[in-house]
N, C-alpha and C. Protein backbone atom coordinates (compact mmCIF):
# COMPACT_ATOMS: atom_id res chain seq x y z
N MET A 1 18.34 -41.45 25.44
CA MET A 1 17.72 -39.75 25.90
C MET A 1 18.31 -39.70 27.71
N LYS A 2 19.12 -39.00 28.07
CA LYS A 2 18.82 -38.73 29.42
C LYS A 2 17.70 -37.52 29.86
N PHE A 3 17.09 -38.00 31.20
CA PHE A 3 16.33 -37.14 31.55
C PHE A 3 16.57 -36.48 33.32
N ARG A 4 16.32 -35.84 33.67
CA ARG A 4 16.00 -35.53 34.93
C ARG A 4 14.36 -34.60 35.69
N LYS A 5 13.85 -34.84 36.93
CA LYS A 5 12.92 -34.98 37.59
C LYS A 5 12.94 -33.45 37.95
N THR A 6 12.51 -32.67 37.55
CA THR A 6 12.65 -30.88 38.14
C THR A 6 11.79 -30.77 39.41
N ASP A 7 10.85 -31.88 39.06
CA ASP A 7 9.95 -31.89 40.30
C ASP A 7 10.16 -33.08 40.59
N PRO A 8 10.15 -33.56 42.30
CA PRO A 8 10.43 -34.81 42.69
C PRO A 8 8.79 -35.14 42.41
N ARG A 9 8.05 -34.60 42.39
CA ARG A 9 6.29 -35.78 41.48
C ARG A 9 6.84 -35.94 40.14
N ALA A 10 7.55 -36.17 39.06
CA ALA A 10 7.60 -36.25 38.26
C ALA A 10 7.52 -37.37 37.93
N LEU A 11 6.34 -37.63 36.27
CA LEU A 11 6.80 -39.04 36.19
C LEU A 11 7.50 -39.64 35.99
N ALA A 12 8.56 -40.56 34.97
CA ALA A 12 9.52 -40.85 33.85
C ALA A 12 8.56 -40.64 33.10
N PRO A 13 9.59 -39.76 31.63
CA PRO A 13 7.99 -40.64 30.87
C PRO A 13 8.81 -41.86 30.33
N ALA A 14 7.78 -42.52 29.68
CA ALA A 14 7.12 -43.79 29.44
C ALA A 14 6.94 -44.47 28.49
N TYR A 15 7.17 -45.48 27.29
CA TYR A 15 6.57 -45.77 26.85
C TYR A 15 5.10 -46.53 27.43
N ALA A 16 3.75 -46.42 26.43
CA ALA A 16 2.90 -47.12 26.88
C ALA A 16 2.80 -48.96 26.24
N THR A 17 3.30 -48.66 25.46
CA THR A 17 3.19 -50.73 25.26
C THR A 17 4.56 -50.47 24.47
N GLU A 18 4.96 -51.96 24.02
CA GLU A 18 5.89 -51.82 23.26
C GLU A 18 6.52 -52.40 22.15
N ARG A 19 4.45 -51.69 21.46
CA ARG A 19 4.98 -51.33 20.46
C ARG A 19 4.45 -49.37 19.50
N ALA A 20 4.55 -48.27 21.19
CA ALA A 20 4.38 -47.43 20.81
C ALA A 20 5.22 -46.69 20.05
N ALA A 21 4.92 -46.39 19.20
CA ALA A 21 5.92 -45.28 18.62
C ALA A 21 6.93 -44.01 19.57
N CYS A 22 5.96 -43.40 20.18
CA CYS A 22 6.95 -41.86 20.80
C CYS A 22 5.98 -42.96 22.39
N PHE A 23 6.90 -42.46 23.15
CA PHE A 23 7.15 -42.32 24.37
C PHE A 23 6.28 -40.33 24.95
N ASP A 24 5.34 -41.30 26.35
CA ASP A 24 3.99 -40.00 26.78
C ASP A 24 5.08 -39.39 27.76
N PHE A 25 4.48 -37.94 27.72
CA PHE A 25 4.87 -37.04 29.10
C PHE A 25 4.20 -36.34 29.73
N PHE A 26 3.79 -36.72 31.27
CA PHE A 26 2.71 -37.00 32.20
C PHE A 26 2.24 -35.41 32.87
N ALA A 27 1.73 -35.10 32.99
CA ALA A 27 1.60 -33.57 33.47
C ALA A 27 1.86 -33.59 35.49
N CYS A 28 2.36 -32.64 35.09
CA CYS A 28 3.06 -32.22 37.06
C CYS A 28 2.19 -31.82 37.30
N ILE A 29 1.76 -31.89 38.35
CA ILE A 29 0.66 -30.74 39.04
C ILE A 29 0.69 -31.47 40.43
N ASP A 30 0.85 -29.88 41.13
CA ASP A 30 0.51 -29.93 42.47
C ASP A 30 -1.23 -30.00 42.91
N ALA A 31 -0.79 -31.67 43.79
CA ALA A 31 -2.21 -32.47 43.88
C ALA A 31 -3.08 -30.66 44.98
N GLN A 32 -2.13 -30.60 45.81
CA GLN A 32 -2.73 -29.70 47.24
C GLN A 32 -3.54 -28.42 46.06
N ALA A 33 -3.05 -27.81 44.92
CA ALA A 33 -3.37 -26.58 45.41
C ALA A 33 -4.01 -26.55 44.13
N TRP A 34 -3.93 -27.07 43.28
CA TRP A 34 -5.51 -28.10 41.97
C TRP A 34 -6.23 -28.78 42.75
N PRO A 35 -6.94 -29.20 43.61
CA PRO A 35 -7.28 -30.72 43.81
C PRO A 35 -7.73 -31.75 42.19
N GLU A 36 -8.24 -30.97 41.57
CA GLU A 36 -9.34 -30.73 40.41
C GLU A 36 -8.96 -30.65 39.64
N GLY A 37 -7.48 -30.77 39.57
CA GLY A 37 -6.86 -30.47 38.47
C GLY A 37 -6.92 -28.79 37.43
N VAL A 38 -6.19 -29.37 36.90
CA VAL A 38 -6.39 -27.66 35.34
C VAL A 38 -7.65 -27.97 34.81
N ALA A 39 -8.71 -26.78 34.70
CA ALA A 39 -9.41 -27.34 33.17
C ALA A 39 -9.00 -26.12 32.74
N ILE A 40 -9.14 -26.63 31.71
CA ILE A 40 -9.12 -25.83 30.13
C ILE A 40 -10.16 -25.08 29.59
N ALA A 41 -10.43 -24.39 29.61
CA ALA A 41 -12.52 -23.24 29.04
C ALA A 41 -11.75 -24.02 27.57
N PRO A 42 -13.22 -24.03 26.59
CA PRO A 42 -13.41 -24.01 25.41
C PRO A 42 -12.65 -23.05 25.17
N GLY A 43 -11.32 -23.13 23.64
CA GLY A 43 -11.18 -21.82 23.10
C GLY A 43 -9.96 -21.44 23.82
N SER A 44 -9.61 -21.95 25.17
CA SER A 44 -8.93 -21.14 25.67
C SER A 44 -7.04 -22.70 25.74
N THR A 45 -5.97 -21.81 25.81
CA THR A 45 -4.61 -22.79 26.28
C THR A 45 -4.44 -22.03 27.83
N ALA A 46 -3.63 -23.67 28.46
CA ALA A 46 -2.59 -23.29 29.36
C ALA A 46 -1.78 -25.00 28.99
N ALA A 47 -0.33 -23.92 30.09
CA ALA A 47 0.73 -24.04 29.67
C ALA A 47 0.73 -25.82 31.34
N ILE A 48 0.75 -26.38 30.97
CA ILE A 48 0.78 -27.85 32.10
C ILE A 48 3.00 -27.89 31.94
N GLY A 49 3.07 -28.19 33.21
CA GLY A 49 5.19 -28.98 33.25
C GLY A 49 3.66 -29.87 33.88
N THR A 50 5.63 -30.26 33.38
CA THR A 50 6.00 -31.98 32.91
C THR A 50 6.64 -32.30 34.25
N GLY A 51 7.50 -31.69 34.39
CA GLY A 51 8.42 -32.17 35.94
C GLY A 51 9.67 -32.57 35.52
N ILE A 52 9.96 -33.27 34.00
CA ILE A 52 10.38 -33.30 33.47
C ILE A 52 11.47 -32.24 32.44
N ALA A 53 13.29 -32.37 33.02
CA ALA A 53 14.02 -31.73 32.03
C ALA A 53 15.07 -32.64 30.86
N VAL A 54 15.23 -32.39 29.72
CA VAL A 54 15.72 -33.83 28.43
C VAL A 54 17.40 -33.58 28.09
N GLN A 55 18.11 -34.59 27.81
CA GLN A 55 18.73 -33.75 27.17
C GLN A 55 18.96 -34.99 26.02
N ALA A 56 18.94 -34.29 24.90
CA ALA A 56 18.97 -35.45 23.13
C ALA A 56 19.95 -35.01 23.28
N PRO A 57 20.98 -36.52 23.06
CA PRO A 57 22.17 -36.14 22.11
C PRO A 57 22.76 -35.40 21.22
N ALA A 58 23.77 -35.37 20.78
CA ALA A 58 24.20 -34.63 20.36
C ALA A 58 23.43 -34.78 18.34
N GLY A 59 23.93 -33.51 17.33
CA GLY A 59 23.08 -34.55 16.24
C GLY A 59 21.88 -35.39 16.57
N HIS A 60 20.84 -34.89 17.78
CA HIS A 60 19.03 -34.95 17.30
C HIS A 60 18.31 -34.23 17.29
N ALA A 61 16.80 -34.08 17.43
CA ALA A 61 16.09 -33.47 18.84
C ALA A 61 14.86 -34.07 18.85
N LEU A 62 14.02 -33.81 19.96
CA LEU A 62 13.59 -34.25 20.76
C LEU A 62 12.12 -33.94 20.38
N MET A 63 11.00 -34.01 18.96
CA MET A 63 9.98 -33.91 18.45
C MET A 63 8.89 -34.59 19.41
N MET A 64 8.01 -32.48 20.11
CA MET A 64 6.11 -33.56 21.18
C MET A 64 5.67 -33.32 19.71
N TYR A 65 4.64 -34.26 20.25
CA TYR A 65 3.59 -33.69 18.87
C TYR A 65 1.85 -33.93 20.93
N SER A 66 1.08 -33.95 20.32
CA SER A 66 -0.31 -34.40 20.31
C SER A 66 -0.60 -35.64 20.38
N ARG A 67 -1.09 -35.87 21.67
CA ARG A 67 -1.87 -37.18 21.47
C ARG A 67 -2.75 -37.58 20.77
N TYR A 68 -3.47 -38.98 20.20
CA TYR A 68 -3.60 -38.66 19.44
C TYR A 68 -5.86 -38.45 20.19
N GLY A 69 -5.97 -38.98 21.40
CA GLY A 69 -6.87 -39.66 22.24
C GLY A 69 -7.28 -38.17 22.36
N PRO A 70 -6.63 -37.57 23.03
CA PRO A 70 -7.53 -35.77 23.14
C PRO A 70 -8.14 -35.37 22.60
N GLY A 71 -6.52 -35.17 21.48
CA GLY A 71 -7.40 -34.45 20.63
C GLY A 71 -8.47 -34.69 19.53
N TYR A 72 -8.82 -36.38 19.34
CA TYR A 72 -9.77 -37.12 18.88
C TYR A 72 -11.12 -37.19 19.39
N LYS A 73 -10.89 -36.75 20.76
CA LYS A 73 -11.96 -37.41 21.66
C LYS A 73 -12.01 -35.42 21.52
N TYR A 74 -11.63 -35.20 22.04
CA TYR A 74 -11.15 -33.45 22.87
C TYR A 74 -11.30 -32.20 22.44
N GLY A 75 -10.84 -32.97 20.85
CA GLY A 75 -10.33 -31.96 20.27
C GLY A 75 -9.16 -30.99 21.72
N VAL A 76 -8.96 -31.51 21.84
CA VAL A 76 -7.34 -30.99 22.59
C VAL A 76 -6.08 -30.98 21.99
N ARG A 77 -5.13 -30.20 21.47
CA ARG A 77 -4.00 -30.61 21.47
C ARG A 77 -3.39 -29.58 21.55
N LEU A 78 -1.77 -29.80 21.20
CA LEU A 78 -0.63 -29.00 21.85
C LEU A 78 -1.00 -27.13 20.39
N ALA A 79 -0.77 -26.56 21.67
CA ALA A 79 -0.81 -25.15 21.29
C ALA A 79 -0.36 -24.44 19.72
N ASN A 80 0.92 -25.00 19.91
CA ASN A 80 2.39 -24.42 18.99
C ASN A 80 1.93 -26.14 17.75
N ALA A 81 1.54 -26.74 18.00
CA ALA A 81 1.03 -28.13 16.35
C ALA A 81 2.67 -28.94 17.23
N THR A 82 3.77 -28.81 17.03
CA THR A 82 4.70 -29.75 17.77
C THR A 82 5.92 -28.90 17.31
N SER A 83 6.48 -29.79 18.56
CA SER A 83 7.33 -28.47 19.37
C SER A 83 9.34 -29.34 18.52
N ILE A 84 9.95 -28.47 18.64
CA ILE A 84 11.42 -28.98 18.82
C ILE A 84 12.23 -28.57 19.31
N ILE A 85 12.64 -29.46 20.35
CA ILE A 85 13.31 -29.80 21.50
C ILE A 85 15.28 -29.42 20.76
N ASP A 86 16.04 -28.35 21.50
CA ASP A 86 17.36 -29.12 20.86
C ASP A 86 17.69 -30.02 21.73
N ALA A 87 19.31 -29.94 22.12
CA ALA A 87 19.95 -30.67 22.62
C ALA A 87 20.47 -29.37 23.85
N GLU A 88 20.13 -28.34 23.32
CA GLU A 88 20.68 -27.12 24.15
C GLU A 88 19.78 -26.90 25.33
N CYS A 89 19.23 -27.48 25.15
CA CYS A 89 17.63 -27.52 25.79
C CYS A 89 17.83 -28.33 27.98
N LYS A 90 17.86 -27.59 28.06
CA LYS A 90 17.86 -27.63 30.09
C LYS A 90 17.23 -27.88 31.14
N TRP A 91 15.70 -27.28 30.51
CA TRP A 91 14.87 -27.11 31.80
C TRP A 91 13.95 -27.54 30.99
N GLU A 92 12.62 -26.89 32.39
CA GLU A 92 11.83 -28.30 32.91
C GLU A 92 11.28 -27.99 31.34
N ILE A 93 10.23 -29.11 30.66
CA ILE A 93 9.55 -29.37 29.12
C ILE A 93 7.96 -28.83 30.01
N MET A 94 7.33 -27.37 28.95
CA MET A 94 5.80 -27.46 29.59
C MET A 94 5.32 -27.63 28.45
N VAL A 95 4.35 -27.97 28.42
CA VAL A 95 3.31 -28.71 26.88
C VAL A 95 2.32 -27.30 26.98
N SER A 96 1.94 -26.77 25.23
CA SER A 96 1.02 -25.71 26.13
C SER A 96 -0.32 -26.49 25.12
N LEU A 97 -0.96 -26.39 26.34
CA LEU A 97 -2.46 -27.31 25.45
C LEU A 97 -3.01 -26.17 25.52
N ARG A 98 -3.94 -27.11 24.23
CA ARG A 98 -5.27 -25.65 23.25
C ARG A 98 -6.24 -26.61 22.76
N ASN A 99 -7.21 -26.15 24.18
CA ASN A 99 -8.07 -27.14 23.97
C ASN A 99 -9.48 -26.12 22.00
N ASP A 100 -9.90 -26.64 21.54
CA ASP A 100 -11.01 -26.48 20.55
C ASP A 100 -11.02 -26.94 20.78
N GLY A 101 -11.92 -28.10 21.43
CA GLY A 101 -13.97 -28.60 21.85
C GLY A 101 -14.48 -27.75 23.33
N LYS A 102 -15.58 -28.00 22.68
CA LYS A 102 -16.56 -27.49 22.81
C LYS A 102 -17.28 -27.44 24.45
N GLN A 103 -15.89 -28.58 25.51
CA GLN A 103 -16.22 -28.62 26.66
C GLN A 103 -15.18 -28.08 27.65
N PRO A 104 -15.25 -27.56 29.24
CA PRO A 104 -14.45 -27.83 29.12
C PRO A 104 -13.14 -29.31 30.01
N PHE A 105 -12.24 -29.38 29.34
CA PHE A 105 -11.01 -30.52 29.64
C PHE A 105 -10.60 -30.32 30.65
N VAL A 106 -10.34 -31.24 31.75
CA VAL A 106 -9.25 -31.50 32.83
C VAL A 106 -8.03 -31.77 33.06
N VAL A 107 -6.65 -31.42 33.54
CA VAL A 107 -5.77 -31.85 33.26
C VAL A 107 -5.81 -32.46 34.98
N ARG A 108 -5.18 -33.73 34.45
CA ARG A 108 -4.88 -33.91 36.52
C ARG A 108 -3.03 -34.97 36.81
N HIS A 109 -2.88 -34.80 37.61
CA HIS A 109 -1.89 -35.39 37.89
C HIS A 109 -1.24 -36.68 37.61
N GLY A 110 -0.06 -36.68 36.22
CA GLY A 110 0.15 -37.74 35.96
C GLY A 110 -1.21 -38.23 35.11
N ASP A 111 -1.36 -37.13 34.30
CA ASP A 111 -2.02 -37.25 33.02
C ASP A 111 -1.78 -37.24 31.46
N ARG A 112 -1.33 -37.83 30.68
CA ARG A 112 -0.70 -38.10 29.60
C ARG A 112 -0.99 -36.57 29.06
N ILE A 113 -0.19 -36.55 28.63
CA ILE A 113 -0.34 -35.13 27.73
C ILE A 113 0.53 -34.94 26.98
N ALA A 114 1.54 -35.88 26.95
CA ALA A 114 2.02 -35.26 24.89
C ALA A 114 2.74 -36.23 24.37
N GLN A 115 3.94 -36.34 23.41
CA GLN A 115 4.28 -37.28 23.64
C GLN A 115 5.82 -37.03 22.56
N GLY A 116 6.77 -37.92 22.31
CA GLY A 116 7.68 -37.60 22.72
C GLY A 116 8.73 -38.39 20.93
N MET A 117 9.53 -38.50 20.42
CA MET A 117 10.18 -39.24 19.58
C MET A 117 11.21 -39.03 19.24
N LEU A 118 12.49 -38.94 19.76
CA LEU A 118 13.95 -38.83 19.40
C LEU A 118 14.01 -38.70 17.76
N ILE A 119 14.45 -37.78 17.04
CA ILE A 119 14.71 -38.43 15.54
C ILE A 119 16.14 -37.79 15.46
N ALA A 120 16.32 -38.26 14.11
CA ALA A 120 18.14 -37.69 14.02
C ALA A 120 18.12 -36.43 13.40
N ALA A 121 19.10 -35.79 13.46
CA ALA A 121 18.93 -33.77 12.80
C ALA A 121 20.01 -33.66 12.86
N PRO A 122 21.63 -34.10 11.45
CA PRO A 122 22.86 -33.87 12.28
C PRO A 122 22.87 -32.61 11.59
N PRO A 123 23.21 -31.71 11.80
CA PRO A 123 23.86 -30.36 11.39
C PRO A 123 24.23 -30.59 10.10
N VAL A 124 23.68 -29.06 9.33
CA VAL A 124 24.05 -29.70 7.53
C VAL A 124 24.72 -28.48 6.93
N ALA A 125 25.41 -27.64 6.42
CA ALA A 125 26.24 -27.01 5.45
C ALA A 125 25.18 -26.10 5.57
N LEU A 126 24.97 -24.69 5.01
CA LEU A 126 24.39 -23.89 5.14
C LEU A 126 24.69 -23.19 4.37
N GLU A 127 24.56 -23.60 2.43
CA GLU A 127 25.47 -22.21 1.83
C GLU A 127 24.93 -21.32 1.20
N GLU A 128 23.96 -20.28 0.47
CA GLU A 128 24.42 -19.90 -0.96
C GLU A 128 24.65 -19.90 -1.85
N GLU A 129 23.33 -19.85 -2.53
CA GLU A 129 23.63 -19.64 -3.86
C GLU A 129 22.49 -19.31 -4.83
N CYS A 130 23.58 -19.09 -5.99
CA CYS A 130 23.30 -17.75 -6.47
C CYS A 130 23.32 -17.62 -8.10
N SER A 131 24.31 -18.83 -8.51
CA SER A 131 24.76 -18.67 -9.65
C SER A 131 23.17 -18.67 -10.76
N ASN A 132 21.85 -19.19 -10.47
CA ASN A 132 20.53 -19.51 -11.07
C ASN A 132 19.96 -19.29 -10.90
N TRP A 133 20.10 -18.69 -9.65
CA TRP A 133 18.64 -17.97 -9.16
C TRP A 133 18.60 -16.74 -9.70
N PRO A 134 17.37 -16.17 -10.83
CA PRO A 134 17.46 -14.53 -10.48
C PRO A 134 17.42 -14.28 -9.65
N ALA A 135 16.46 -14.10 -8.33
CA ALA A 135 16.25 -13.28 -7.35
C ALA A 135 17.59 -13.21 -6.69
N CYS A 136 18.89 -13.52 -6.51
CA CYS A 136 20.61 -13.13 -6.28
C CYS A 136 21.53 -12.80 -7.04
N ALA A 137 20.94 -12.45 -8.42
CA ALA A 137 21.31 -12.44 -9.53
C ALA A 137 21.96 -10.87 -9.99
N PRO A 138 24.07 -10.26 -9.55
CA PRO A 138 23.59 -9.75 -9.74
C PRO A 138 23.65 -7.78 -10.45
């Protein structure tokens, strides 16, 4: 899958280990503007940039998921549960994190904030079928 940095400070997506099922996306935060990182208060949501734009191959989609550790340990998850990024997306991937925990959660530059998996998503023919369905019978 092709990607480009939209910010020179961005870290490239990467697998944490050779056995990892998904590759990590990292926070791209201006450390001068946010020297202590971005704090997400309990019950709040924050959009965190990755500084990365991707181009999924035709017939594929990039699925974005929450990371296990922050979810399990701190109650932090993707605000929209799962994101689907198709081949037409050309802008920076933003990760909306929701803090459902009891303590502020701080995100710093370079922190792993989401994980991605490329899946096959071939186009399918969509056909209306009404012959056996009472709801659409004439």
